[in-house]
Amino acid sequence: MKRYTKNWLEELLVTLFMEAGASREVSETTSSILIEGDLLGHHTHGVKLANGYLRDLKSGHACGDHNAMTSKEISSVAALVDGHYILGPYLVQKALERSADAARESGIGIVTIKRSHHIACLASYLQPFVEQGLMPIIMTSDPAVKSVAPYGGVSPVYTPNPIAMGIPSRVQPIMMDVSMSTVTNGSVGKAHAEKTKMAHPVILTNTGVASDDPADFFSDPQGSILPLGGQEFGHKGFAMGLMVEALTSALGGFGRKDAPTGWGASVTVMVIDPTLFSGQSAFLDETDHLIEACLSSKPVNPQHPVRMPGQAGLSRRDKYLEQGIPLPDDVVTELQKAIDDSSLKGRY
């Protein structure tokens, strides 16, 4: 795969977003978060998304004006934001920054966002806050999409509903980004486009049979993605998925009952400052101990020792910053489509 530098991609994406009508502030934040997804190796939720974002900006479904955001200040630690479909990376970044300021003063900050546009890869937001000794938490659902069926059902009702969290440590940070479904919409769509099978039977056909064929998801009637835990323990993923629905769409007062259309997201972010609880040293002593115990656990396979959440992504990020980011062919294709629909056509 051809490699691209972070700076080159940032310059290109910022130019494309600004040409499509986004402010510089929204363009720079969105570009940075998308590229961060690829730096961590999450290519389905990185630069590949830019073309879809640009199409929505041009059609009017997405907004690129950061001044369109409105906010209801609930207290010094809580706020409700109406994003008016501003590009999600900008909204989430601002919500995290606001929550971080509150956490430093009061121990915790929380912001709920309704009517956000898509927010990209959740893991992309975590590292800067973890490096400040904070614990960022992000949850999201898309009230316009139904892809996961409730445990025991076959009709899809909600989305994979991921939760991301960063945990500071002196040994190495923990950075998790986990869907409450077996796989994501993006991975199913990618496999379907490439005409490949899933690694496991994570799809439920419209007749209730587990399948590894993504075509069974795109059937008529539509299939679904199994909740986290699969057919055996999916009641757990189902419960966690409902928790995310309640803490995003329900908390924001806008969701599936409103039958929105188009790409969007309901989001809640929280930031916790451990310093105001047990104190930084006590907190880090505990997380260090836990991580070292996990890493020293006897591995099932000596060739594959225990790896902490986010460890591979951070290692990949360091390598890609030094050597360039290798973008898969499908990502390059989407990026080229975006270029060809702009004044930059023929220059890249």
Protein backbone atom coordinates (compact mmCIF):
# COMPACT_ATOMS: atom_id res chain seq x y z
CA MET A 1 0.00 0.00 0.00
CA LYS A 2 1.14 3.52 -0.77
CA ARG A 3 1.99 5.58 2.31
CA TYR A 4 0.88 9.13 3.00
CA THR A 5 2.20 11.61 5.54
CA LYS A 6 -0.09 13.06 8.19
CA ASN A 7 0.71 16.60 7.07
CA TRP A 8 -0.07 15.86 3.41
CA LEU A 9 -3.42 14.32 4.29
CA GLU A 10 -4.30 17.18 6.63
CA GLU A 11 -3.57 19.81 4.01
CA LEU A 12 -5.66 17.94 1.44
CA LEU A 13 -8.65 17.26 3.69
CA VAL A 14 -8.78 20.76 5.15
CA THR A 15 -8.81 22.17 1.62
CA LEU A 16 -11.61 19.80 0.57
CA PHE A 17 -13.76 20.53 3.63
CA MET A 18 -13.35 24.30 3.36
CA GLU A 19 -14.20 24.19 -0.34
CA ALA A 20 -17.37 22.28 0.58
CA GLY A 21 -18.40 25.11 2.91
CA ALA A 22 -17.00 24.14 6.31
CA SER A 23 -15.27 26.74 8.45
CA ARG A 24 -11.54 26.37 8.98
CA GLU A 25 -12.11 25.41 12.61
CA VAL A 26 -14.51 22.60 11.69
CA SER A 27 -12.33 21.53 8.75
CA GLU A 28 -9.14 21.27 10.78
CA THR A 29 -10.71 19.39 13.68
CA THR A 30 -12.57 16.96 11.41
CA SER A 31 -9.51 16.29 9.28
CA SER A 32 -7.33 15.64 12.33
CA ILE A 33 -9.79 13.14 13.84
CA LEU A 34 -10.28 11.26 10.55
CA ILE A 35 -6.52 10.91 10.04
CA GLU A 36 -6.09 9.79 13.65
CA GLY A 37 -8.41 6.87 12.86
CA ASP A 38 -6.05 5.68 10.14
CA LEU A 39 -3.00 6.26 12.35
CA LEU A 40 -4.53 3.82 14.83
CA GLY A 41 -5.33 1.35 12.04
CA HIS A 42 -9.13 1.85 11.97
CA HIS A 43 -9.33 2.37 8.21
CA THR A 44 -13.11 1.90 7.97
CA HIS A 45 -13.59 4.91 10.27
CA GLY A 46 -10.82 7.23 9.11
CA VAL A 47 -10.06 9.14 5.91
CA LYS A 48 -12.45 6.87 4.01
CA LEU A 49 -15.36 8.73 5.64
CA ALA A 50 -14.33 12.11 4.21
CA ASN A 51 -16.09 11.61 0.87
CA GLY A 52 -19.40 10.89 2.59
CA TYR A 53 -18.98 13.90 4.87
CA LEU A 54 -18.25 16.11 1.87
CA ARG A 55 -21.32 14.85 0.01
CA ASP A 56 -23.50 15.66 3.02
CA LEU A 57 -21.99 19.13 3.31
CA LYS A 58 -22.76 19.81 -0.35
CA SER A 59 -26.31 18.43 -0.10
CA GLY A 60 -27.06 20.41 3.05
CA HIS A 61 -27.55 17.45 5.37
CA ALA A 62 -24.29 18.19 7.21
CA CYS A 63 -23.33 21.62 8.51
CA GLY A 64 -19.84 23.08 8.49
CA ASP A 65 -20.56 26.28 10.43
CA HIS A 66 -19.32 25.94 14.01
CA ASN A 67 -21.50 28.91 15.01
CA ALA A 68 -24.65 26.86 14.34
CA MET A 69 -24.11 24.84 17.53
CA THR A 70 -26.37 25.77 20.44
CA SER A 71 -25.92 24.73 24.06
CA LYS A 72 -28.04 24.46 27.19
CA GLU A 73 -25.87 24.83 30.29
CA ILE A 74 -27.42 22.52 32.88
CA SER A 75 -24.83 23.15 35.59
CA SER A 76 -21.12 23.80 35.93
CA VAL A 77 -20.48 20.13 35.09
CA ALA A 78 -23.23 19.31 32.57
CA ALA A 79 -24.52 20.60 29.25
CA LEU A 80 -26.86 19.60 26.43
CA VAL A 81 -25.74 20.53 22.91
CA ASP A 82 -27.87 20.70 19.78
CA GLY A 83 -25.37 20.05 17.03
CA HIS A 84 -27.65 20.96 14.10
CA TYR A 85 -25.77 18.26 12.15
CA ILE A 86 -22.41 20.01 12.32
CA LEU A 87 -19.70 17.50 11.40
CA GLY A 88 -19.42 15.19 14.40
CA PRO A 89 -15.67 15.30 15.06
CA TYR A 90 -15.89 19.01 15.77
CA LEU A 91 -18.85 18.60 18.14
CA VAL A 92 -17.29 15.72 20.06
CA GLN A 93 -13.92 17.43 20.40
CA LYS A 94 -15.55 20.58 21.78
CA ALA A 95 -17.74 18.52 24.14
CA LEU A 96 -14.68 16.70 25.47
CA GLU A 97 -12.80 19.95 25.98
CA ARG A 98 -15.76 21.44 27.87
CA SER A 99 -16.08 18.27 29.98
CA ALA A 100 -12.35 18.25 30.71
CA ASP A 101 -12.50 21.84 32.00
CA ALA A 102 -15.41 20.87 34.28
CA ALA A 103 -13.60 17.74 35.48
CA ARG A 104 -10.55 19.71 36.56
CA GLU A 105 -12.79 21.91 38.69
CA SER A 106 -15.37 19.40 39.96
CA GLY A 107 -14.01 15.92 39.26
CA ILE A 108 -16.35 15.17 36.37
CA GLY A 109 -17.88 16.81 33.32
CA ILE A 110 -20.62 15.51 31.00
CA VAL A 111 -22.03 16.78 27.70
CA THR A 112 -24.82 15.19 25.68
CA ILE A 113 -25.10 16.02 21.98
CA LYS A 114 -28.29 15.62 19.93
CA ARG A 115 -28.44 15.93 16.15
CA SER A 116 -24.75 15.48 15.53
CA HIS A 117 -23.46 14.36 12.17
CA HIS A 118 -21.35 11.15 12.14
CA ILE A 119 -18.49 11.24 14.69
CA ALA A 120 -15.88 8.91 13.08
CA CYS A 121 -13.62 6.62 15.16
CA LEU A 122 -14.20 7.02 18.90
CA ALA A 123 -10.66 5.93 19.79
CA SER A 124 -9.31 8.90 17.81
CA TYR A 125 -10.29 11.36 20.54
CA LEU A 126 -8.81 9.66 23.58
CA GLN A 127 -5.02 10.04 23.67
CA PRO A 128 -4.69 13.81 24.24
CA PHE A 129 -6.95 13.65 27.30
CA VAL A 130 -5.32 10.52 28.70
CA GLU A 131 -1.94 12.25 28.40
CA GLN A 132 -3.36 14.98 30.66
CA GLY A 133 -4.13 12.35 33.32
CA LEU A 134 -7.86 12.41 32.58
CA MET A 135 -10.35 9.63 31.81
CA PRO A 136 -12.43 10.43 28.71
CA ILE A 137 -15.55 8.36 27.96
CA ILE A 138 -17.57 8.49 24.72
CA MET A 139 -20.83 6.73 23.83
CA THR A 140 -22.81 7.04 20.62
CA SER A 141 -25.76 5.70 18.66
CA ASP A 142 -27.30 6.62 15.30
CA PRO A 143 -31.08 7.05 15.62
CA ALA A 144 -31.52 6.97 11.84
CA VAL A 145 -30.06 3.46 11.46
CA LYS A 146 -31.28 0.01 12.51
CA SER A 147 -28.70 -2.77 12.21
CA VAL A 148 -28.66 -4.75 15.49
CA ALA A 149 -31.59 -6.90 16.59
CA PRO A 150 -32.51 -7.22 20.27
CA TYR A 151 -31.49 -10.54 21.80
CA GLY A 152 -34.05 -13.15 20.82
CA GLY A 153 -35.39 -11.12 17.87
CA VAL A 154 -34.59 -10.97 14.17
CA SER A 155 -35.76 -7.45 13.26
CA PRO A 156 -32.99 -4.84 13.66
CA VAL A 157 -33.83 -2.01 16.05
CA TYR A 158 -30.68 -0.09 17.02
CA THR A 159 -27.00 0.42 16.09
CA PRO A 160 -23.72 -1.15 17.34
CA ASN A 161 -23.57 1.64 19.97
CA PRO A 162 -19.84 1.76 20.79
CA ILE A 163 -18.29 2.88 24.06
CA ALA A 164 -14.76 4.29 24.17
CA MET A 165 -12.68 5.10 27.23
CA GLY A 166 -9.12 6.13 28.00
CA ILE A 167 -7.37 5.21 31.26
CA PRO A 168 -4.04 6.79 32.28
CA SER A 169 -1.13 4.70 33.55
CA ARG A 170 2.61 5.11 34.00
CA VAL A 171 3.14 1.71 32.32
CA GLN A 172 1.03 2.35 29.24
CA PRO A 173 -2.40 3.90 28.72
CA ILE A 174 -5.50 1.77 28.21
CA MET A 175 -7.54 2.96 25.23
CA MET A 176 -10.67 0.95 24.48
CA ASP A 177 -13.25 1.38 21.72
CA VAL A 178 -15.79 -1.45 21.80
CA SER A 179 -19.14 -1.86 20.07
CA MET A 180 -22.06 -3.43 21.89
CA SER A 181 -22.51 -5.65 18.82
CA THR A 182 -20.27 -8.45 17.58
CA VAL A 183 -18.96 -6.31 14.70
CA THR A 184 -19.53 -2.82 13.28
CA ASN A 185 -21.67 -1.68 10.37
CA GLY A 186 -18.50 -0.60 8.59
CA SER A 187 -16.84 -4.01 8.77
CA VAL A 188 -19.96 -5.73 7.43
CA GLY A 189 -20.22 -3.21 4.60
CA LYS A 190 -16.54 -3.60 3.74
CA ALA A 191 -16.78 -7.40 3.59
CA HIS A 192 -19.91 -7.18 1.45
CA ALA A 193 -18.22 -4.80 -1.00
CA GLU A 194 -15.19 -7.08 -1.23
CA LYS A 195 -17.40 -10.19 -1.52
CA THR A 196 -15.62 -11.86 1.39
CA LYS A 197 -16.99 -13.70 4.41
CA MET A 198 -16.83 -12.53 8.01
CA ALA A 199 -14.31 -14.28 10.26
CA HIS A 200 -17.13 -15.63 12.43
CA PRO A 201 -20.93 -16.09 12.18
CA VAL A 202 -21.76 -12.59 13.45
CA ILE A 203 -24.75 -11.95 11.17
CA LEU A 204 -28.28 -13.08 11.94
CA THR A 205 -30.35 -13.85 8.85
CA ASN A 206 -33.91 -12.61 8.59
CA THR A 207 -35.00 -16.14 9.54
CA GLY A 208 -32.90 -16.21 12.71
CA VAL A 209 -29.88 -18.26 11.60
CA ALA A 210 -26.31 -17.20 12.44
CA SER A 211 -24.22 -16.55 9.32
CA ASP A 212 -20.76 -15.39 8.27
CA ASP A 213 -22.04 -14.07 4.92
CA PRO A 214 -22.50 -10.27 4.87
CA ALA A 215 -25.03 -10.71 2.04
CA ASP A 216 -27.41 -12.05 4.68
CA PHE A 217 -27.35 -8.64 6.34
CA PHE A 218 -28.27 -6.85 3.11
CA SER A 219 -31.17 -9.16 2.32
CA ASP A 220 -34.84 -8.23 1.97
CA PRO A 221 -36.14 -8.26 4.68
CA GLN A 222 -32.89 -7.05 6.17
CA GLY A 223 -30.79 -9.28 8.41
CA SER A 224 -29.05 -7.96 11.48
CA ILE A 225 -25.76 -7.89 13.36
CA LEU A 226 -25.73 -10.03 16.48
CA PRO A 227 -25.37 -8.23 19.83
CA LEU A 228 -22.03 -8.53 21.62
CA GLY A 229 -21.89 -12.06 23.00
CA GLY A 230 -23.52 -13.64 19.94
CA GLN A 231 -26.27 -16.19 20.14
CA GLU A 232 -24.97 -17.66 23.38
CA PHE A 233 -24.44 -14.53 25.50
CA GLY A 234 -26.01 -11.76 23.43
CA HIS A 235 -28.33 -10.77 26.26
CA LYS A 236 -25.33 -8.99 27.76
CA GLY A 237 -24.56 -6.98 24.63
CA PHE A 238 -28.27 -6.24 24.22
CA ALA A 239 -28.43 -4.79 27.74
CA MET A 240 -25.32 -2.68 27.15
CA GLY A 241 -26.71 -1.47 23.82
CA LEU A 242 -29.86 -0.28 25.59
CA MET A 243 -27.71 1.52 28.16
CA VAL A 244 -26.02 3.47 25.37
CA GLU A 245 -29.40 4.31 23.81
CA ALA A 246 -30.59 5.71 27.14
CA LEU A 247 -27.40 7.70 27.77
CA THR A 248 -27.35 9.22 24.27
CA SER A 249 -30.66 9.63 22.42
CA ALA A 250 -32.93 9.46 25.48
CA LEU A 251 -30.74 11.80 27.55
CA GLY A 252 -30.65 14.27 24.66
CA GLY A 253 -34.38 13.99 24.00
CA PHE A 254 -34.00 13.24 20.29
CA GLY A 255 -33.80 9.76 18.81
CA ARG A 256 -35.57 6.90 17.14
CA LYS A 257 -39.06 8.12 18.05
CA ASP A 258 -38.34 11.19 15.88
CA ALA A 259 -37.55 9.01 12.81
CA PRO A 260 -34.60 11.10 11.59
CA THR A 261 -33.09 10.36 8.20
CA GLY A 262 -29.53 10.61 6.94
CA TRP A 263 -26.19 10.20 8.63
CA GLY A 264 -26.23 11.31 12.25
CA ALA A 265 -25.41 10.52 15.83
CA SER A 266 -26.58 10.92 19.39
CA VAL A 267 -23.56 11.28 21.66
CA THR A 268 -22.66 11.58 25.33
CA VAL A 269 -19.13 12.31 26.50
CA MET A 270 -17.80 12.35 30.04
CA VAL A 271 -14.41 13.25 31.42
CA ILE A 272 -13.25 12.29 34.93
CA ASP A 273 -10.26 13.75 36.72
CA PRO A 274 -8.89 11.10 39.13
CA THR A 275 -6.87 13.77 40.95
CA LEU A 276 -10.00 15.04 42.69
CA PHE A 277 -10.99 11.54 43.80
CA SER A 278 -8.24 9.26 45.13
CA GLY A 279 -5.45 11.55 43.94
CA GLN A 280 -3.22 11.09 40.89
CA SER A 281 -0.57 8.92 42.57
CA ALA A 282 -3.07 6.57 44.21
CA PHE A 283 -4.97 6.22 40.93
CA LEU A 284 -1.86 5.50 38.89
CA ASP A 285 -0.53 3.07 41.49
CA GLU A 286 -3.68 1.01 41.02
CA THR A 287 -3.83 1.15 37.21
CA ASP A 288 -0.10 0.37 36.98
CA HIS A 289 -0.54 -2.67 39.22
CA LEU A 290 -3.52 -3.93 37.20
CA ILE A 291 -1.79 -3.48 33.84
CA GLU A 292 1.42 -5.17 35.00
CA ALA A 293 -0.61 -8.08 36.39
CA CYS A 294 -2.44 -8.46 33.08
CA LEU A 295 0.73 -8.27 31.00
CA SER A 296 2.46 -10.86 33.18
CA SER A 297 -0.41 -13.32 33.00
CA LYS A 298 0.71 -16.65 31.51
CA PRO A 299 -0.40 -16.57 27.85
CA VAL A 300 -2.49 -19.27 26.20
CA ASN A 301 -0.05 -19.06 23.28
CA PRO A 302 3.52 -17.98 24.14
CA GLN A 303 3.77 -16.40 20.69
CA HIS A 304 0.89 -14.08 21.54
CA PRO A 305 1.26 -12.63 25.07
CA VAL A 306 -1.47 -10.56 26.67
CA ARG A 307 -1.97 -7.20 24.99
CA MET A 308 -3.76 -4.27 26.63
CA PRO A 309 -6.60 -2.46 24.83
CA GLY A 310 -5.11 0.19 22.56
CA GLN A 311 -1.58 -1.17 22.75
CA ALA A 312 -1.46 -2.30 19.12
CA GLY A 313 -3.03 0.91 17.87
CA LEU A 314 -0.58 3.15 19.70
CA SER A 315 2.37 1.10 18.42
CA ARG A 316 0.95 1.34 14.91
CA ARG A 317 0.49 5.09 15.33
CA ASP A 318 4.15 5.63 16.23
CA LYS A 319 5.26 3.60 13.21
CA TYR A 320 2.90 5.35 10.81
CA LEU A 321 3.96 8.82 11.98
CA GLU A 322 7.55 7.87 11.20
CA GLN A 323 7.03 5.87 8.00
CA GLY A 324 3.78 7.27 6.61
CA ILE A 325 0.22 5.98 6.79
CA PRO A 326 -0.55 3.00 4.52
CA LEU A 327 -4.08 3.49 3.15
CA PRO A 328 -5.95 0.45 1.77
CA ASP A 329 -7.20 0.58 -1.81
CA ASP A 330 -10.83 1.19 -0.81
CA VAL A 331 -9.78 4.21 1.26
CA VAL A 332 -7.70 5.63 -1.60
CA THR A 333 -10.63 5.11 -3.99
CA GLU A 334 -12.99 7.11 -1.75
CA LEU A 335 -10.39 9.83 -1.29
CA GLN A 336 -9.88 10.07 -5.05
CA LYS A 337 -13.64 10.41 -5.56
CA ALA A 338 -13.63 13.35 -3.17
CA ILE A 339 -10.74 14.96 -5.05
CA ASP A 340 -12.42 14.41 -8.42
CA ASP A 341 -15.56 16.18 -7.16
CA SER A 342 -13.54 19.25 -6.19
CA SER A 343 -11.46 21.96 -7.81
CA LEU A 344 -8.41 19.83 -7.00
CA LYS A 345 -9.23 17.30 -9.71
CA GLY A 346 -6.13 16.46 -11.74
CA ARG A 347 -3.77 17.93 -9.15
CA TYR A 348 -3.56 14.83 -6.90
